[in-house]
Amino acid sequence: MTSTTHSLFALKLFSALGCGLAAGVFFAFSSFVMSALARLQPAQGIAAMQSINITVINPLFMIVLFGTAAACLFLAVASLLKWQQPGAAYWLVGSLLYLFGTILVTMICNVPLNEALAIVQADSTDGANLWSNYLANWTFWNHVRTVASLAAAATFTIALGR
């Protein structure tokens, strides 16, 4: 095996694991965290989610989320340059699933919702109104991120076997 082959294997493995970790975090929110927050009074739910949105910005999660995106970007380009190699289509599909279904959705859907929630007063009428819409919209887009990340992880896992 050449060093390029080793490097591509390592990137595919890192991407599969990173996508899987991201999918797990998103799955937790989709399957029970948001439901638990919805059971709270709006002021309490808003305050809890505001706290989550601050603490999620930490080195470990950012490495998983954006380090995986960087690896996917590299693998997408590599797939086009090495299209003749077995599994190159899987590299491209997995990369696009993660970059568009996870990162782009995060940036254009979930982050703006988080920013709107960050500036609302938790105990205000505006806060309560925002909260009901936030729960439905944020959770819907989180479902999209969950499915995209999981599909990307599966695709990279298939690519590892090729």
N, C-alpha and C. Protein backbone atom coordinates (compact mmCIF):
# COMPACT_ATOMS: atom_id res chain seq x y z
N MET A 1 0.84 -1.19 0.00
CA MET A 1 0.00 0.00 0.00
C MET A 1 0.88 1.25 0.00
N THR A 2 0.49 2.21 -0.81
CA THR A 2 1.25 3.45 -0.86
C THR A 2 0.80 4.38 0.25
N SER A 3 1.57 5.41 0.47
CA SER A 3 1.19 6.37 1.52
C SER A 3 -0.09 7.10 1.15
N THR A 4 -0.34 7.31 -0.16
CA THR A 4 -1.59 7.93 -0.59
C THR A 4 -2.77 7.04 -0.26
N THR A 5 -2.61 5.75 -0.48
CA THR A 5 -3.68 4.79 -0.17
C THR A 5 -3.94 4.76 1.33
N HIS A 6 -2.87 4.80 2.14
CA HIS A 6 -3.02 4.84 3.60
C HIS A 6 -3.73 6.13 4.02
N SER A 7 -3.35 7.25 3.42
CA SER A 7 -3.95 8.53 3.77
C SER A 7 -5.43 8.56 3.42
N LEU A 8 -5.78 8.04 2.25
CA LEU A 8 -7.19 8.00 1.86
C LEU A 8 -7.99 7.08 2.77
N PHE A 9 -7.41 5.95 3.14
CA PHE A 9 -8.08 5.05 4.07
C PHE A 9 -8.32 5.76 5.41
N ALA A 10 -7.30 6.45 5.91
CA ALA A 10 -7.42 7.17 7.19
C ALA A 10 -8.49 8.25 7.10
N LEU A 11 -8.55 8.97 5.99
CA LEU A 11 -9.57 10.01 5.82
C LEU A 11 -10.97 9.41 5.74
N LYS A 12 -11.10 8.29 5.04
CA LYS A 12 -12.41 7.64 4.97
C LYS A 12 -12.84 7.14 6.35
N LEU A 13 -11.90 6.58 7.09
CA LEU A 13 -12.20 6.10 8.45
C LEU A 13 -12.58 7.26 9.36
N PHE A 14 -11.78 8.33 9.33
CA PHE A 14 -12.08 9.53 10.13
C PHE A 14 -13.45 10.08 9.75
N SER A 15 -13.74 10.12 8.46
CA SER A 15 -15.03 10.65 8.00
C SER A 15 -16.19 9.76 8.45
N ALA A 16 -16.02 8.45 8.33
CA ALA A 16 -17.07 7.53 8.78
C ALA A 16 -17.34 7.70 10.27
N LEU A 17 -16.27 7.77 11.05
CA LEU A 17 -16.43 7.94 12.50
C LEU A 17 -17.01 9.31 12.84
N GLY A 18 -16.51 10.35 12.19
CA GLY A 18 -17.01 11.70 12.45
C GLY A 18 -18.48 11.84 12.09
N CYS A 19 -18.86 11.31 10.94
CA CYS A 19 -20.27 11.34 10.54
C CYS A 19 -21.14 10.56 11.52
N GLY A 20 -20.62 9.42 11.96
CA GLY A 20 -21.36 8.62 12.93
C GLY A 20 -21.52 9.32 14.27
N LEU A 21 -20.45 9.97 14.73
CA LEU A 21 -20.54 10.72 15.99
C LEU A 21 -21.54 11.87 15.87
N ALA A 22 -21.46 12.61 14.76
CA ALA A 22 -22.41 13.71 14.55
C ALA A 22 -23.84 13.18 14.49
N ALA A 23 -24.03 12.08 13.77
CA ALA A 23 -25.37 11.49 13.68
C ALA A 23 -25.88 11.11 15.07
N GLY A 24 -25.00 10.59 15.92
CA GLY A 24 -25.40 10.22 17.28
C GLY A 24 -25.85 11.41 18.11
N VAL A 25 -25.11 12.49 18.00
CA VAL A 25 -25.49 13.71 18.73
C VAL A 25 -26.84 14.21 18.22
N PHE A 26 -26.98 14.29 16.91
CA PHE A 26 -28.24 14.79 16.33
C PHE A 26 -29.39 13.85 16.66
N PHE A 27 -29.13 12.55 16.64
CA PHE A 27 -30.17 11.57 16.97
C PHE A 27 -30.66 11.77 18.41
N ALA A 28 -29.72 12.01 19.32
CA ALA A 28 -30.12 12.23 20.72
C ALA A 28 -31.08 13.42 20.83
N PHE A 29 -30.75 14.50 20.13
CA PHE A 29 -31.63 15.66 20.16
C PHE A 29 -32.98 15.35 19.53
N SER A 30 -32.98 14.66 18.40
CA SER A 30 -34.23 14.34 17.71
C SER A 30 -35.09 13.35 18.48
N SER A 31 -34.45 12.40 19.16
CA SER A 31 -35.23 11.34 19.79
C SER A 31 -35.69 11.64 21.21
N PHE A 32 -34.94 12.50 21.95
CA PHE A 32 -35.43 12.75 23.31
C PHE A 32 -35.09 14.12 23.89
N VAL A 33 -34.02 14.75 23.51
CA VAL A 33 -33.67 16.04 24.13
C VAL A 33 -34.72 17.10 23.83
N MET A 34 -35.08 17.25 22.56
CA MET A 34 -36.05 18.29 22.22
C MET A 34 -37.43 17.99 22.82
N SER A 35 -37.79 16.72 22.89
CA SER A 35 -39.07 16.36 23.53
C SER A 35 -39.04 16.70 25.01
N ALA A 36 -37.92 16.48 25.65
CA ALA A 36 -37.78 16.82 27.07
C ALA A 36 -37.87 18.33 27.26
N LEU A 37 -37.22 19.08 26.40
CA LEU A 37 -37.28 20.54 26.51
C LEU A 37 -38.68 21.07 26.25
N ALA A 38 -39.41 20.42 25.34
CA ALA A 38 -40.78 20.84 25.02
C ALA A 38 -41.73 20.62 26.20
N ARG A 39 -41.39 19.71 27.11
CA ARG A 39 -42.23 19.45 28.28
C ARG A 39 -42.08 20.52 29.36
N LEU A 40 -41.03 21.31 29.25
CA LEU A 40 -40.79 22.38 30.22
C LEU A 40 -41.64 23.60 29.89
N GLN A 41 -41.79 24.47 30.87
CA GLN A 41 -42.41 25.76 30.60
C GLN A 41 -41.53 26.48 29.59
N PRO A 42 -42.12 27.30 28.69
CA PRO A 42 -41.33 27.95 27.65
C PRO A 42 -40.08 28.67 28.18
N ALA A 43 -40.21 29.39 29.26
CA ALA A 43 -39.04 30.12 29.80
C ALA A 43 -37.92 29.16 30.20
N GLN A 44 -38.30 28.03 30.79
CA GLN A 44 -37.29 27.05 31.19
C GLN A 44 -36.67 26.36 29.98
N GLY A 45 -37.50 26.00 29.00
CA GLY A 45 -37.00 25.36 27.79
C GLY A 45 -36.06 26.28 27.02
N ILE A 46 -36.46 27.54 26.91
CA ILE A 46 -35.62 28.52 26.21
C ILE A 46 -34.29 28.67 26.93
N ALA A 47 -34.33 28.83 28.23
CA ALA A 47 -33.10 29.00 29.00
C ALA A 47 -32.18 27.78 28.85
N ALA A 48 -32.77 26.59 28.89
CA ALA A 48 -31.97 25.37 28.75
C ALA A 48 -31.34 25.30 27.36
N MET A 49 -32.13 25.59 26.31
CA MET A 49 -31.59 25.52 24.95
C MET A 49 -30.56 26.62 24.71
N GLN A 50 -30.77 27.80 25.29
CA GLN A 50 -29.76 28.86 25.17
C GLN A 50 -28.45 28.39 25.79
N SER A 51 -28.52 27.72 26.90
CA SER A 51 -27.31 27.19 27.55
C SER A 51 -26.65 26.10 26.70
N ILE A 52 -27.46 25.22 26.14
CA ILE A 52 -26.93 24.17 25.26
C ILE A 52 -26.22 24.79 24.07
N ASN A 53 -26.85 25.80 23.48
CA ASN A 53 -26.27 26.44 22.30
C ASN A 53 -24.95 27.15 22.59
N ILE A 54 -24.73 27.53 23.81
CA ILE A 54 -23.44 28.12 24.19
C ILE A 54 -22.41 27.02 24.44
N THR A 55 -22.81 26.00 25.19
CA THR A 55 -21.83 24.97 25.58
C THR A 55 -21.47 24.02 24.43
N VAL A 56 -22.32 23.94 23.39
CA VAL A 56 -22.00 23.06 22.26
C VAL A 56 -20.80 23.59 21.48
N ILE A 57 -20.53 24.87 21.61
CA ILE A 57 -19.37 25.46 20.92
C ILE A 57 -18.14 25.19 21.79
N ASN A 58 -17.58 24.00 21.59
CA ASN A 58 -16.41 23.57 22.35
C ASN A 58 -15.48 22.82 21.40
N PRO A 59 -14.21 22.73 21.74
CA PRO A 59 -13.25 22.12 20.79
C PRO A 59 -13.60 20.70 20.35
N LEU A 60 -14.05 19.86 21.24
CA LEU A 60 -14.35 18.48 20.85
C LEU A 60 -15.46 18.40 19.82
N PHE A 61 -16.56 19.07 20.08
CA PHE A 61 -17.67 19.01 19.13
C PHE A 61 -17.32 19.71 17.82
N MET A 62 -16.60 20.82 17.90
CA MET A 62 -16.23 21.54 16.68
C MET A 62 -15.28 20.71 15.81
N ILE A 63 -14.37 19.96 16.45
CA ILE A 63 -13.48 19.07 15.68
C ILE A 63 -14.30 17.99 14.98
N VAL A 64 -15.24 17.42 15.69
CA VAL A 64 -16.08 16.39 15.08
C VAL A 64 -16.88 16.99 13.92
N LEU A 65 -17.57 18.10 14.16
CA LEU A 65 -18.45 18.68 13.15
C LEU A 65 -17.66 19.22 11.95
N PHE A 66 -16.68 20.09 12.22
CA PHE A 66 -15.99 20.76 11.12
C PHE A 66 -14.73 20.03 10.66
N GLY A 67 -14.11 19.24 11.53
CA GLY A 67 -13.00 18.40 11.09
C GLY A 67 -13.49 17.36 10.10
N THR A 68 -14.66 16.80 10.38
CA THR A 68 -15.27 15.85 9.46
C THR A 68 -15.61 16.54 8.14
N ALA A 69 -16.10 17.76 8.22
CA ALA A 69 -16.41 18.52 6.99
C ALA A 69 -15.16 18.74 6.16
N ALA A 70 -14.04 19.07 6.81
CA ALA A 70 -12.79 19.28 6.08
C ALA A 70 -12.34 17.98 5.41
N ALA A 71 -12.45 16.87 6.13
CA ALA A 71 -12.08 15.57 5.55
C ALA A 71 -13.00 15.25 4.37
N CYS A 72 -14.28 15.54 4.51
CA CYS A 72 -15.23 15.28 3.42
C CYS A 72 -14.93 16.14 2.20
N LEU A 73 -14.57 17.38 2.43
CA LEU A 73 -14.22 18.26 1.31
C LEU A 73 -13.01 17.69 0.56
N PHE A 74 -12.01 17.26 1.31
CA PHE A 74 -10.83 16.66 0.70
C PHE A 74 -11.20 15.38 -0.07
N LEU A 75 -12.03 14.53 0.54
CA LEU A 75 -12.43 13.29 -0.12
C LEU A 75 -13.29 13.54 -1.36
N ALA A 76 -14.09 14.57 -1.34
CA ALA A 76 -14.88 14.90 -2.53
C ALA A 76 -13.97 15.25 -3.70
N VAL A 77 -12.98 16.07 -3.43
CA VAL A 77 -12.02 16.43 -4.48
C VAL A 77 -11.22 15.20 -4.91
N ALA A 78 -10.75 14.42 -3.94
CA ALA A 78 -9.98 13.22 -4.26
C ALA A 78 -10.80 12.23 -5.08
N SER A 79 -12.09 12.14 -4.79
CA SER A 79 -12.94 11.21 -5.55
C SER A 79 -12.99 11.59 -7.02
N LEU A 80 -13.02 12.88 -7.30
CA LEU A 80 -13.07 13.33 -8.68
C LEU A 80 -11.72 13.11 -9.38
N LEU A 81 -10.65 13.27 -8.63
CA LEU A 81 -9.31 13.07 -9.20
C LEU A 81 -8.97 11.60 -9.36
N LYS A 82 -9.59 10.75 -8.55
CA LYS A 82 -9.30 9.31 -8.58
C LYS A 82 -10.56 8.51 -8.88
N TRP A 83 -11.38 9.05 -9.78
CA TRP A 83 -12.68 8.48 -10.09
C TRP A 83 -12.60 7.02 -10.50
N GLN A 84 -11.49 6.62 -11.12
CA GLN A 84 -11.33 5.25 -11.59
C GLN A 84 -11.13 4.26 -10.44
N GLN A 85 -10.80 4.74 -9.25
CA GLN A 85 -10.57 3.83 -8.13
C GLN A 85 -11.89 3.27 -7.60
N PRO A 86 -11.85 2.00 -7.17
CA PRO A 86 -13.06 1.41 -6.59
C PRO A 86 -13.53 2.22 -5.37
N GLY A 87 -14.80 2.50 -5.34
CA GLY A 87 -15.36 3.20 -4.19
C GLY A 87 -15.34 4.71 -4.28
N ALA A 88 -14.74 5.29 -5.33
CA ALA A 88 -14.66 6.74 -5.43
C ALA A 88 -16.04 7.39 -5.42
N ALA A 89 -17.02 6.75 -6.03
CA ALA A 89 -18.38 7.30 -6.02
C ALA A 89 -18.92 7.36 -4.59
N TYR A 90 -18.56 6.38 -3.77
CA TYR A 90 -18.99 6.39 -2.36
C TYR A 90 -18.35 7.54 -1.60
N TRP A 91 -17.09 7.85 -1.91
CA TRP A 91 -16.42 8.99 -1.25
C TRP A 91 -17.18 10.26 -1.56
N LEU A 92 -17.54 10.41 -2.85
CA LEU A 92 -18.23 11.62 -3.29
C LEU A 92 -19.62 11.72 -2.66
N VAL A 93 -20.38 10.64 -2.72
CA VAL A 93 -21.74 10.65 -2.17
C VAL A 93 -21.72 10.90 -0.66
N GLY A 94 -20.84 10.20 0.05
CA GLY A 94 -20.75 10.41 1.50
C GLY A 94 -20.37 11.85 1.84
N SER A 95 -19.43 12.38 1.09
CA SER A 95 -18.99 13.76 1.32
C SER A 95 -20.12 14.75 1.07
N LEU A 96 -20.83 14.57 -0.04
CA LEU A 96 -21.92 15.50 -0.35
C LEU A 96 -23.06 15.39 0.64
N LEU A 97 -23.36 14.17 1.08
CA LEU A 97 -24.40 14.01 2.11
C LEU A 97 -24.05 14.80 3.36
N TYR A 98 -22.80 14.68 3.79
CA TYR A 98 -22.41 15.37 5.02
C TYR A 98 -22.30 16.88 4.81
N LEU A 99 -21.66 17.28 3.73
CA LEU A 99 -21.44 18.72 3.51
C LEU A 99 -22.75 19.47 3.29
N PHE A 100 -23.66 18.88 2.52
CA PHE A 100 -24.92 19.57 2.25
C PHE A 100 -25.99 19.25 3.29
N GLY A 101 -26.14 17.96 3.63
CA GLY A 101 -27.20 17.56 4.54
C GLY A 101 -26.93 17.86 6.00
N THR A 102 -25.66 18.04 6.35
CA THR A 102 -25.32 18.32 7.74
C THR A 102 -24.80 19.75 7.91
N ILE A 103 -23.71 20.07 7.24
CA ILE A 103 -23.09 21.38 7.44
C ILE A 103 -23.93 22.51 6.87
N LEU A 104 -24.37 22.37 5.62
CA LEU A 104 -25.17 23.45 5.01
C LEU A 104 -26.50 23.62 5.76
N VAL A 105 -27.16 22.52 6.09
CA VAL A 105 -28.42 22.61 6.84
C VAL A 105 -28.17 23.28 8.20
N THR A 106 -27.08 22.92 8.86
CA THR A 106 -26.74 23.55 10.13
C THR A 106 -26.61 25.06 9.97
N MET A 107 -25.86 25.46 8.94
CA MET A 107 -25.56 26.89 8.77
C MET A 107 -26.77 27.71 8.32
N ILE A 108 -27.59 27.16 7.44
CA ILE A 108 -28.70 27.98 6.92
C ILE A 108 -30.03 27.75 7.63
N CYS A 109 -30.12 26.70 8.42
CA CYS A 109 -31.39 26.41 9.09
C CYS A 109 -31.27 26.46 10.61
N ASN A 110 -30.43 25.61 11.19
CA ASN A 110 -30.37 25.52 12.65
C ASN A 110 -29.70 26.72 13.31
N VAL A 111 -28.59 27.19 12.75
CA VAL A 111 -27.88 28.32 13.36
C VAL A 111 -28.74 29.59 13.40
N PRO A 112 -29.42 29.97 12.31
CA PRO A 112 -30.28 31.16 12.41
C PRO A 112 -31.38 31.02 13.47
N LEU A 113 -31.93 29.82 13.60
CA LEU A 113 -32.93 29.60 14.65
C LEU A 113 -32.30 29.77 16.03
N ASN A 114 -31.07 29.26 16.20
CA ASN A 114 -30.36 29.41 17.47
C ASN A 114 -30.05 30.87 17.76
N GLU A 115 -29.67 31.61 16.73
CA GLU A 115 -29.36 33.03 16.92
C GLU A 115 -30.59 33.82 17.33
N ALA A 116 -31.74 33.50 16.74
CA ALA A 116 -32.99 34.17 17.14
C ALA A 116 -33.34 33.83 18.58
N LEU A 117 -33.14 32.57 18.96
CA LEU A 117 -33.43 32.16 20.33
C LEU A 117 -32.48 32.82 21.33
N ALA A 118 -31.25 33.05 20.93
CA ALA A 118 -30.24 33.61 21.82
C ALA A 118 -30.59 35.02 22.29
N ILE A 119 -31.32 35.77 21.48
CA ILE A 119 -31.58 37.17 21.83
C ILE A 119 -32.96 37.41 22.43
N VAL A 120 -33.79 36.38 22.48
CA VAL A 120 -35.12 36.55 23.04
C VAL A 120 -35.06 36.44 24.57
N GLN A 121 -35.90 37.19 25.22
CA GLN A 121 -36.04 37.07 26.67
C GLN A 121 -36.85 35.82 26.97
N ALA A 122 -36.27 34.92 27.73
CA ALA A 122 -36.89 33.62 27.98
C ALA A 122 -38.29 33.72 28.59
N ASP A 123 -38.52 34.71 29.43
CA ASP A 123 -39.81 34.81 30.13
C ASP A 123 -40.78 35.79 29.49
N SER A 124 -40.56 36.16 28.24
CA SER A 124 -41.44 37.11 27.56
C SER A 124 -42.47 36.40 26.69
N THR A 125 -43.51 37.14 26.30
CA THR A 125 -44.51 36.61 25.37
C THR A 125 -43.86 36.30 24.03
N ASP A 126 -42.96 37.18 23.57
CA ASP A 126 -42.24 36.91 22.32
C ASP A 126 -41.44 35.62 22.43
N GLY A 127 -40.86 35.41 23.59
CA GLY A 127 -40.09 34.19 23.82
C GLY A 127 -40.97 32.96 23.71
N ALA A 128 -42.14 32.99 24.33
CA ALA A 128 -43.05 31.85 24.29
C ALA A 128 -43.52 31.57 22.86
N ASN A 129 -43.81 32.63 22.10
CA ASN A 129 -44.23 32.46 20.72
C ASN A 129 -43.10 31.89 19.86
N LEU A 130 -41.92 32.43 20.04
CA LEU A 130 -40.76 31.94 19.30
C LEU A 130 -40.48 30.48 19.64
N TRP A 131 -40.61 30.14 20.90
CA TRP A 131 -40.28 28.79 21.37
C TRP A 131 -41.11 27.72 20.67
N SER A 132 -42.39 27.93 20.53
CA SER A 132 -43.23 26.90 19.90
C SER A 132 -42.83 26.69 18.44
N ASN A 133 -42.53 27.76 17.73
CA ASN A 133 -42.07 27.63 16.35
C ASN A 133 -40.67 27.03 16.29
N TYR A 134 -39.82 27.45 17.21
CA TYR A 134 -38.45 26.96 17.27
C TYR A 134 -38.42 25.44 17.43
N LEU A 135 -39.20 24.94 18.36
CA LEU A 135 -39.22 23.50 18.63
C LEU A 135 -39.53 22.70 17.36
N ALA A 136 -40.55 23.11 16.64
CA ALA A 136 -40.95 22.37 15.43
C ALA A 136 -39.91 22.52 14.32
N ASN A 137 -39.50 23.75 14.05
CA ASN A 137 -38.57 23.99 12.93
C ASN A 137 -37.18 23.43 13.20
N TRP A 138 -36.64 23.71 14.38
CA TRP A 138 -35.29 23.25 14.70
C TRP A 138 -35.24 21.73 14.68
N THR A 139 -36.27 21.09 15.24
CA THR A 139 -36.29 19.63 15.29
C THR A 139 -36.42 19.03 13.89
N PHE A 140 -37.24 19.62 13.03
CA PHE A 140 -37.35 19.13 11.66
C PHE A 140 -35.98 19.15 10.97
N TRP A 141 -35.29 20.28 11.05
CA TRP A 141 -33.99 20.38 10.39
C TRP A 141 -32.95 19.49 11.07
N ASN A 142 -33.12 19.25 12.34
CA ASN A 142 -32.22 18.32 13.03
C ASN A 142 -32.45 16.89 12.55
N HIS A 143 -33.69 16.53 12.26
CA HIS A 143 -33.97 15.21 11.67
C HIS A 143 -33.23 15.07 10.34
N VAL A 144 -33.24 16.13 9.54
CA VAL A 144 -32.54 16.11 8.26
C VAL A 144 -31.05 15.87 8.49
N ARG A 145 -30.47 16.59 9.46
CA ARG A 145 -29.04 16.41 9.77
C ARG A 145 -28.75 15.00 10.26
N THR A 146 -29.64 14.45 11.05
CA THR A 146 -29.45 13.09 11.57
C THR A 146 -29.39 12.09 10.43
N VAL A 147 -30.37 12.15 9.56
CA VAL A 147 -30.44 11.21 8.44
C VAL A 147 -29.24 11.39 7.51
N ALA A 148 -28.89 12.64 7.20
CA ALA A 148 -27.76 12.89 6.30
C ALA A 148 -26.45 12.39 6.89
N SER A 149 -26.23 12.67 8.17
CA SER A 149 -24.98 12.22 8.81
C SER A 149 -24.91 10.70 8.89
N LEU A 150 -26.02 10.07 9.22
CA LEU A 150 -26.05 8.62 9.31
C LEU A 150 -25.84 7.99 7.93
N ALA A 151 -26.49 8.55 6.92
CA ALA A 151 -26.31 8.04 5.55
C ALA A 151 -24.86 8.23 5.09
N ALA A 152 -24.27 9.36 5.44
CA ALA A 152 -22.87 9.61 5.09
C ALA A 152 -21.96 8.60 5.79
N ALA A 153 -22.22 8.35 7.07
CA ALA A 153 -21.41 7.36 7.80
C ALA A 153 -21.52 5.98 7.15
N ALA A 154 -22.72 5.60 6.77
CA ALA A 154 -22.92 4.31 6.12
C ALA A 154 -22.20 4.26 4.77
N THR A 155 -22.27 5.35 4.03
CA THR A 155 -21.62 5.41 2.72
C THR A 155 -20.10 5.31 2.86
N PHE A 156 -19.53 6.01 3.84
CA PHE A 156 -18.09 5.91 4.05
C PHE A 156 -17.70 4.52 4.55
N THR A 157 -18.56 3.89 5.31
CA THR A 157 -18.29 2.53 5.78
C THR A 157 -18.24 1.57 4.59
N ILE A 158 -19.16 1.73 3.66
CA ILE A 158 -19.12 0.92 2.44
C ILE A 158 -17.83 1.20 1.67
N ALA A 159 -17.45 2.47 1.58
CA ALA A 159 -16.23 2.86 0.86
C ALA A 159 -14.98 2.23 1.48
N LEU A 160 -15.00 2.04 2.78
CA LEU A 160 -13.84 1.42 3.45
C LEU A 160 -13.62 -0.01 2.98
N GLY A 161 -14.68 -0.68 2.61
CA GLY A 161 -14.59 -2.06 2.16
C GLY A 161 -14.20 -2.21 0.69
N ARG A 162 -14.09 -1.12 -0.01
CA ARG A 162 -13.79 -1.19 -1.45
C ARG A 162 -12.33 -0.93 -1.71
